[in-house]
């Protein structure tokens, strides 16, 4: 375990304390869980992106290529790629 000091905005700290209290955890443990969940989510998005990019690269049908390109755009830029 590595000790790490982190400054949080007051609203975020309040939410962390509230979440920790409702789950009967320490604020420190709650932060660890939130960071672990965030890292896992980031990895899932990365894997989704590379999987989609591979499908896009291999696609030969123009409609499929366009659909996959739109989906990649949404992943990269958020929202609707056609906006």
N, C-alpha and C. Protein backbone atom coordinates (compact mmCIF):
# COMPACT_ATOMS: atom_id res chain seq x y z
N UNK A 1 0.85 -1.17 0.00
CA UNK A 1 0.00 0.00 0.00
C UNK A 1 0.90 1.24 0.00
N UNK A 2 0.52 2.22 -0.79
CA UNK A 2 1.26 3.48 -0.88
C UNK A 2 0.39 4.60 -0.36
N UNK A 3 0.93 5.40 0.49
CA UNK A 3 0.19 6.54 1.02
C UNK A 3 0.23 7.66 -0.02
N UNK A 4 -0.93 8.22 -0.34
CA UNK A 4 -1.03 9.26 -1.35
C UNK A 4 -1.94 10.36 -0.83
N UNK A 5 -1.46 11.58 -0.90
CA UNK A 5 -2.27 12.71 -0.46
C UNK A 5 -2.98 13.30 -1.67
N UNK A 6 -4.29 13.53 -1.53
CA UNK A 6 -5.10 14.06 -2.63
C UNK A 6 -5.98 15.18 -2.10
N UNK A 7 -6.02 16.29 -2.82
CA UNK A 7 -6.93 17.38 -2.47
C UNK A 7 -8.19 17.25 -3.32
N UNK A 8 -9.33 17.31 -2.66
CA UNK A 8 -10.61 17.18 -3.36
C UNK A 8 -11.41 18.47 -3.22
N UNK A 9 -12.15 18.83 -4.24
CA UNK A 9 -13.07 19.95 -4.08
C UNK A 9 -14.07 19.62 -2.97
N UNK A 10 -14.53 20.64 -2.26
CA UNK A 10 -15.41 20.43 -1.11
C UNK A 10 -16.65 19.60 -1.46
N UNK A 11 -17.26 19.87 -2.61
CA UNK A 11 -18.47 19.12 -2.99
C UNK A 11 -18.16 17.64 -3.21
N UNK A 12 -17.02 17.36 -3.80
CA UNK A 12 -16.64 15.97 -4.05
C UNK A 12 -16.36 15.27 -2.72
N UNK A 13 -15.63 15.93 -1.84
CA UNK A 13 -15.32 15.35 -0.52
C UNK A 13 -16.60 15.05 0.24
N UNK A 14 -17.55 15.95 0.16
CA UNK A 14 -18.83 15.75 0.85
C UNK A 14 -19.56 14.52 0.28
N UNK A 15 -19.55 14.39 -1.03
CA UNK A 15 -20.20 13.24 -1.66
C UNK A 15 -19.50 11.94 -1.27
N UNK A 16 -18.17 11.97 -1.24
CA UNK A 16 -17.41 10.77 -0.86
C UNK A 16 -17.76 10.37 0.57
N UNK A 17 -17.77 11.35 1.48
CA UNK A 17 -18.11 11.05 2.88
C UNK A 17 -19.53 10.49 2.99
N UNK A 18 -20.45 11.06 2.25
CA UNK A 18 -21.83 10.61 2.27
C UNK A 18 -21.95 9.17 1.74
N UNK A 19 -21.27 8.90 0.63
CA UNK A 19 -21.29 7.55 0.07
C UNK A 19 -20.67 6.56 1.05
N UNK A 20 -19.56 6.94 1.64
CA UNK A 20 -18.87 6.07 2.59
C UNK A 20 -19.77 5.75 3.78
N UNK A 21 -20.43 6.78 4.29
CA UNK A 21 -21.31 6.59 5.43
C UNK A 21 -22.45 5.63 5.09
N UNK A 22 -23.05 5.81 3.93
CA UNK A 22 -24.17 4.96 3.54
C UNK A 22 -23.74 3.51 3.32
N UNK A 23 -22.48 3.31 2.97
CA UNK A 23 -21.97 1.95 2.76
C UNK A 23 -21.18 1.42 3.96
N UNK A 24 -21.15 2.25 5.01
CA UNK A 24 -20.43 1.90 6.24
C UNK A 24 -18.95 1.59 5.97
N UNK A 25 -18.33 2.49 5.21
CA UNK A 25 -16.91 2.40 4.89
C UNK A 25 -16.22 3.66 5.37
N UNK A 26 -14.92 3.60 5.48
CA UNK A 26 -14.17 4.83 5.75
C UNK A 26 -14.14 5.63 4.45
N UNK A 27 -13.95 6.92 4.57
CA UNK A 27 -13.83 7.76 3.38
C UNK A 27 -12.64 7.30 2.54
N UNK A 28 -11.57 6.90 3.20
CA UNK A 28 -10.39 6.41 2.49
C UNK A 28 -10.73 5.18 1.66
N UNK A 29 -11.43 4.22 2.26
CA UNK A 29 -11.79 3.00 1.53
C UNK A 29 -12.73 3.33 0.38
N UNK A 30 -13.64 4.28 0.60
CA UNK A 30 -14.56 4.69 -0.46
C UNK A 30 -13.78 5.27 -1.63
N UNK A 31 -12.79 6.10 -1.33
CA UNK A 31 -11.96 6.67 -2.40
C UNK A 31 -11.22 5.58 -3.17
N UNK A 32 -10.70 4.60 -2.45
CA UNK A 32 -10.00 3.50 -3.11
C UNK A 32 -10.95 2.78 -4.07
N UNK A 33 -12.16 2.49 -3.60
CA UNK A 33 -13.13 1.80 -4.45
C UNK A 33 -13.51 2.64 -5.66
N UNK A 34 -13.70 3.93 -5.46
CA UNK A 34 -14.05 4.81 -6.58
C UNK A 34 -12.92 4.88 -7.61
N UNK A 35 -11.70 4.96 -7.14
CA UNK A 35 -10.55 4.99 -8.06
C UNK A 35 -10.44 3.66 -8.80
N UNK A 36 -10.57 2.55 -8.09
CA UNK A 36 -10.51 1.24 -8.74
C UNK A 36 -11.61 1.10 -9.79
N UNK A 37 -12.83 1.54 -9.46
CA UNK A 37 -13.93 1.48 -10.42
C UNK A 37 -13.65 2.36 -11.64
N UNK A 38 -13.09 3.53 -11.39
CA UNK A 38 -12.76 4.45 -12.50
C UNK A 38 -11.69 3.87 -13.41
N UNK A 39 -10.69 3.23 -12.84
CA UNK A 39 -9.63 2.60 -13.63
C UNK A 39 -10.22 1.47 -14.47
N UNK A 40 -11.07 0.66 -13.88
CA UNK A 40 -11.70 -0.45 -14.61
C UNK A 40 -12.57 0.08 -15.75
N UNK A 41 -13.32 1.15 -15.49
CA UNK A 41 -14.18 1.73 -16.54
C UNK A 41 -13.33 2.27 -17.68
N UNK A 42 -12.23 2.92 -17.34
CA UNK A 42 -11.32 3.46 -18.36
C UNK A 42 -10.75 2.33 -19.22
N UNK A 43 -10.39 1.24 -18.60
CA UNK A 43 -9.85 0.09 -19.34
C UNK A 43 -10.92 -0.52 -20.25
N UNK A 44 -12.15 -0.62 -19.75
CA UNK A 44 -13.25 -1.14 -20.60
C UNK A 44 -13.45 -0.26 -21.81
N UNK A 45 -13.44 1.07 -21.62
CA UNK A 45 -13.61 1.99 -22.76
C UNK A 45 -12.46 1.85 -23.75
N UNK A 46 -11.25 1.67 -23.24
CA UNK A 46 -10.09 1.50 -24.12
C UNK A 46 -10.23 0.22 -24.95
N UNK A 47 -10.62 -0.88 -24.30
CA UNK A 47 -10.80 -2.14 -25.01
C UNK A 47 -11.93 -2.04 -26.03
N UNK A 48 -13.02 -1.35 -25.66
CA UNK A 48 -14.14 -1.16 -26.59
C UNK A 48 -13.67 -0.38 -27.81
N UNK A 49 -12.90 0.68 -27.58
CA UNK A 49 -12.40 1.50 -28.67
C UNK A 49 -11.54 0.67 -29.63
N UNK A 50 -10.57 -0.08 -29.09
CA UNK A 50 -9.68 -0.85 -29.96
C UNK A 50 -10.42 -1.97 -30.68
N UNK A 51 -11.41 -2.58 -30.03
CA UNK A 51 -12.22 -3.60 -30.69
C UNK A 51 -13.01 -3.00 -31.84
N UNK A 52 -13.59 -1.84 -31.61
CA UNK A 52 -14.36 -1.15 -32.64
C UNK A 52 -13.45 -0.68 -33.77
N UNK A 53 -12.28 -0.18 -33.43
CA UNK A 53 -11.33 0.27 -34.45
C UNK A 53 -10.90 -0.90 -35.34
N UNK A 54 -10.72 -2.06 -34.74
CA UNK A 54 -10.34 -3.24 -35.53
C UNK A 54 -11.47 -3.64 -36.48
N UNK A 55 -12.72 -3.62 -35.98
CA UNK A 55 -13.86 -3.93 -36.85
C UNK A 55 -13.95 -2.92 -37.99
N UNK A 56 -13.74 -1.64 -37.66
CA UNK A 56 -13.78 -0.58 -38.67
C UNK A 56 -12.71 -0.83 -39.73
N UNK A 57 -11.52 -1.18 -39.30
CA UNK A 57 -10.40 -1.42 -40.21
C UNK A 57 -10.70 -2.58 -41.16
N UNK A 58 -11.38 -3.62 -40.65
CA UNK A 58 -11.66 -4.82 -41.45
C UNK A 58 -12.94 -4.72 -42.27
N UNK A 59 -13.79 -3.74 -41.98
CA UNK A 59 -15.09 -3.63 -42.66
C UNK A 59 -14.90 -3.34 -44.15
N UNK A 60 -15.71 -4.00 -44.96
CA UNK A 60 -15.67 -3.76 -46.41
C UNK A 60 -16.96 -3.16 -46.92
N UNK A 61 -18.05 -3.36 -46.21
CA UNK A 61 -19.35 -2.81 -46.60
C UNK A 61 -19.39 -1.32 -46.25
N UNK A 62 -19.67 -0.46 -47.22
CA UNK A 62 -19.68 0.99 -46.95
C UNK A 62 -20.65 1.41 -45.84
N UNK A 63 -21.80 0.78 -45.77
CA UNK A 63 -22.76 1.12 -44.71
C UNK A 63 -22.21 0.74 -43.33
N UNK A 64 -21.61 -0.44 -43.27
CA UNK A 64 -21.02 -0.90 -42.01
C UNK A 64 -19.85 0.01 -41.62
N UNK A 65 -19.05 0.39 -42.60
CA UNK A 65 -17.93 1.29 -42.34
C UNK A 65 -18.43 2.62 -41.79
N UNK A 66 -19.48 3.15 -42.39
CA UNK A 66 -20.04 4.42 -41.91
C UNK A 66 -20.60 4.28 -40.49
N UNK A 67 -21.33 3.19 -40.24
CA UNK A 67 -21.90 2.97 -38.91
C UNK A 67 -20.79 2.85 -37.87
N UNK A 68 -19.77 2.07 -38.18
CA UNK A 68 -18.67 1.90 -37.24
C UNK A 68 -17.90 3.22 -37.05
N UNK A 69 -17.75 3.97 -38.13
CA UNK A 69 -17.09 5.28 -38.02
C UNK A 69 -17.87 6.22 -37.10
N UNK A 70 -19.19 6.21 -37.25
CA UNK A 70 -20.04 7.03 -36.37
C UNK A 70 -19.90 6.60 -34.92
N UNK A 71 -19.87 5.28 -34.71
CA UNK A 71 -19.74 4.75 -33.35
C UNK A 71 -18.39 5.13 -32.74
N UNK A 72 -17.33 5.05 -33.54
CA UNK A 72 -16.01 5.47 -33.08
C UNK A 72 -16.02 6.96 -32.72
N UNK A 73 -16.68 7.76 -33.56
CA UNK A 73 -16.77 9.19 -33.29
C UNK A 73 -17.46 9.47 -31.97
N UNK A 74 -18.52 8.73 -31.68
CA UNK A 74 -19.23 8.92 -30.41
C UNK A 74 -18.34 8.53 -29.24
N UNK A 75 -17.56 7.46 -29.41
CA UNK A 75 -16.65 7.04 -28.33
C UNK A 75 -15.58 8.10 -28.08
N UNK A 76 -15.04 8.65 -29.15
CA UNK A 76 -13.94 9.60 -29.02
C UNK A 76 -14.44 10.97 -28.57
N UNK A 77 -15.50 11.44 -29.21
CA UNK A 77 -15.94 12.82 -28.97
C UNK A 77 -17.19 12.92 -28.12
N UNK A 78 -17.83 11.78 -27.84
CA UNK A 78 -19.06 11.81 -27.04
C UNK A 78 -20.23 12.29 -27.85
N UNK A 79 -21.41 12.06 -27.31
CA UNK A 79 -22.63 12.55 -27.98
C UNK A 79 -22.86 11.88 -29.31
N UNK A 80 -23.35 12.68 -30.26
CA UNK A 80 -23.68 12.19 -31.60
C UNK A 80 -22.61 12.64 -32.57
N UNK A 81 -22.02 11.69 -33.26
CA UNK A 81 -20.94 11.99 -34.20
C UNK A 81 -21.43 12.86 -35.34
N UNK A 82 -22.72 12.75 -35.71
CA UNK A 82 -23.21 13.51 -36.86
C UNK A 82 -23.60 14.93 -36.51
N UNK A 83 -23.53 15.32 -35.25
CA UNK A 83 -23.87 16.69 -34.84
C UNK A 83 -22.81 17.67 -35.26
